[in-house]
Protein backbone atom coordinates (compact mmCIF):
# COMPACT_ATOMS: atom_id res chain seq x y z
CA GLN A 1 1.49 3.71 -1.35
CA VAL A 2 -1.49 2.29 0.50
CA HIS A 3 -3.88 -0.28 -0.92
CA LEU A 4 -7.41 -0.65 0.42
CA VAL A 5 -9.78 -3.58 0.10
CA GLU A 6 -13.39 -3.26 1.24
CA SER A 7 -15.83 -6.02 2.01
CA GLY A 8 -19.21 -6.53 3.62
CA GLY A 9 -21.66 -4.86 1.28
CA GLY A 10 -24.83 -6.52 0.16
CA LEU A 11 -28.62 -6.48 0.05
CA VAL A 12 -30.34 -5.69 3.32
CA GLN A 13 -33.94 -5.03 4.25
CA PRO A 14 -34.89 -1.69 5.77
CA GLY A 15 -34.16 -1.75 9.47
CA GLY A 16 -31.45 -4.33 9.02
CA SER A 17 -27.75 -4.24 9.85
CA LEU A 18 -24.50 -4.69 8.02
CA ARG A 19 -20.82 -4.43 8.84
CA LEU A 20 -18.33 -3.12 6.33
CA SER A 21 -14.62 -3.77 6.60
CA CYS A 22 -11.66 -2.13 4.95
CA ALA A 23 -8.19 -3.58 5.21
CA ALA A 24 -5.16 -1.49 4.37
CA SER A 25 -1.84 -2.81 3.15
CA GLY A 26 1.39 -1.34 1.92
CA SER A 27 2.84 1.71 3.63
CA THR A 28 0.39 1.57 6.51
CA TYR A 29 2.71 3.54 8.77
CA LEU A 30 1.62 6.58 6.77
CA ILE A 31 -2.03 6.27 7.83
CA ASN A 32 -3.54 8.99 9.96
CA THR A 33 -7.29 9.08 9.47
CA MET A 34 -9.41 6.16 8.25
CA GLY A 35 -12.97 6.67 7.18
CA TRP A 36 -15.96 5.88 5.07
CA TYR A 37 -17.70 7.87 2.38
CA ARG A 38 -20.66 6.96 0.22
CA GLN A 39 -22.09 7.88 -3.13
CA ALA A 40 -25.67 7.25 -4.17
CA PRO A 41 -26.74 7.32 -7.82
CA GLY A 42 -26.92 10.86 -9.11
CA LYS A 43 -25.42 12.31 -5.95
CA GLU A 44 -22.00 13.50 -4.89
CA ARG A 45 -19.76 11.46 -2.68
CA GLU A 46 -20.35 12.35 0.95
CA LEU A 47 -18.61 11.74 4.22
CA VAL A 48 -20.13 9.06 6.44
CA ALA A 49 -17.67 8.70 9.29
CA THR A 50 -14.00 9.12 10.10
CA HIS A 51 -11.66 7.79 12.78
CA THR A 52 -8.39 9.50 13.54
CA SER A 53 -5.25 7.81 14.76
CA SER A 54 -5.78 9.39 18.17
CA GLY A 55 -9.23 7.85 18.48
CA GLY A 56 -11.43 10.77 17.52
CA THR A 57 -14.53 10.03 15.48
CA ASN A 58 -16.77 12.15 13.31
CA TYR A 59 -20.13 11.27 11.78
CA ALA A 60 -22.45 12.73 9.22
CA GLU A 61 -25.58 13.96 10.93
CA SER A 62 -27.73 11.61 8.85
CA VAL A 63 -26.02 8.51 10.29
CA ARG A 64 -25.23 9.60 13.83
CA GLY A 65 -26.65 7.14 16.33
CA ARG A 66 -27.15 4.43 13.70
CA PHE A 67 -23.65 3.88 12.33
CA ALA A 68 -20.50 3.18 14.31
CA ILE A 69 -16.96 3.39 13.03
CA SER A 70 -14.17 1.45 14.68
CA ARG A 71 -10.56 0.74 13.93
CA ASP A 72 -8.10 -2.05 14.62
CA ASN A 73 -4.65 -0.58 14.24
CA ALA A 74 -2.96 -3.95 14.65
CA LYS A 75 -4.83 -5.19 11.59
CA ASN A 76 -4.80 -1.85 9.76
CA THR A 77 -8.53 -2.29 9.36
CA VAL A 78 -11.45 0.07 9.75
CA TYR A 79 -15.02 -1.09 10.23
CA LEU A 80 -18.40 0.50 9.78
CA GLN A 81 -21.28 -1.03 11.69
CA ILE A 82 -24.49 0.02 10.00
CA ASN A 83 -27.72 -0.39 11.93
CA SER A 84 -31.33 0.62 11.32
CA LEU A 85 -30.74 0.83 7.61
CA ARG A 86 -32.93 3.16 5.60
CA THR A 87 -33.56 3.20 1.89
CA GLU A 88 -31.63 6.45 1.68
CA ASP A 89 -28.53 4.67 2.99
CA ALA A 90 -28.27 2.70 -0.23
CA ALA A 91 -25.04 3.67 -1.97
CA VAL A 92 -21.57 2.58 -2.88
CA TYR A 93 -19.50 2.89 0.26
CA TYR A 94 -15.86 3.84 -0.15
CA CYS A 95 -13.07 3.39 2.32
CA ASN A 96 -10.70 6.32 2.61
CA ILE A 97 -7.43 6.84 4.35
CA ARG A 98 -5.59 10.10 4.75
CA THR A 99 -1.90 10.00 5.38
CA TRP A 100 0.09 12.21 7.70
CA ASP A 101 1.13 14.31 4.70
CA ARG A 102 -2.53 14.66 3.68
CA ARG A 103 -2.64 12.30 0.74
CA ASP A 104 -5.91 10.45 0.17
CA TYR A 105 -6.27 6.84 -0.86
CA TRP A 106 -9.56 5.23 -1.82
CA GLY A 107 -10.90 1.73 -2.03
CA GLU A 108 -12.89 0.54 -5.01
CA GLY A 109 -16.14 0.65 -3.12
CA THR A 110 -18.68 -1.84 -1.84
CA LEU A 111 -22.36 -1.66 -2.75
CA VAL A 112 -25.03 -1.48 -0.08
CA THR A 113 -28.55 -2.06 -1.35
CA VAL A 114 -31.54 -1.50 0.91
CA SER A 115 -34.74 -3.10 -0.28
CA SER A 116 -37.59 -5.17 1.03
């Protein structure tokens, strides 16, 4: 079992920046990929970015060049640096980890609000 705790959400003006963090605990040796997804009101949850244990990263086209995912394996923590925020980035951001045997664990989500 892996437990995830997110932090870092909040209210930001358009063009602003934010850094989300997600700390994993429990059976962290099971973790393969760590990533972030988001869900805006009335929309389906979508992938934002992922970071594999071997260092590979993947981004949604809508955030490429503005968001950066990073990972600290010693702390079992994944980060999402969000820059140049747009109103369409407003959503609940969920941390996800996928284990080596392809089980998914989710955090409870952290709200990012973009408003002037």
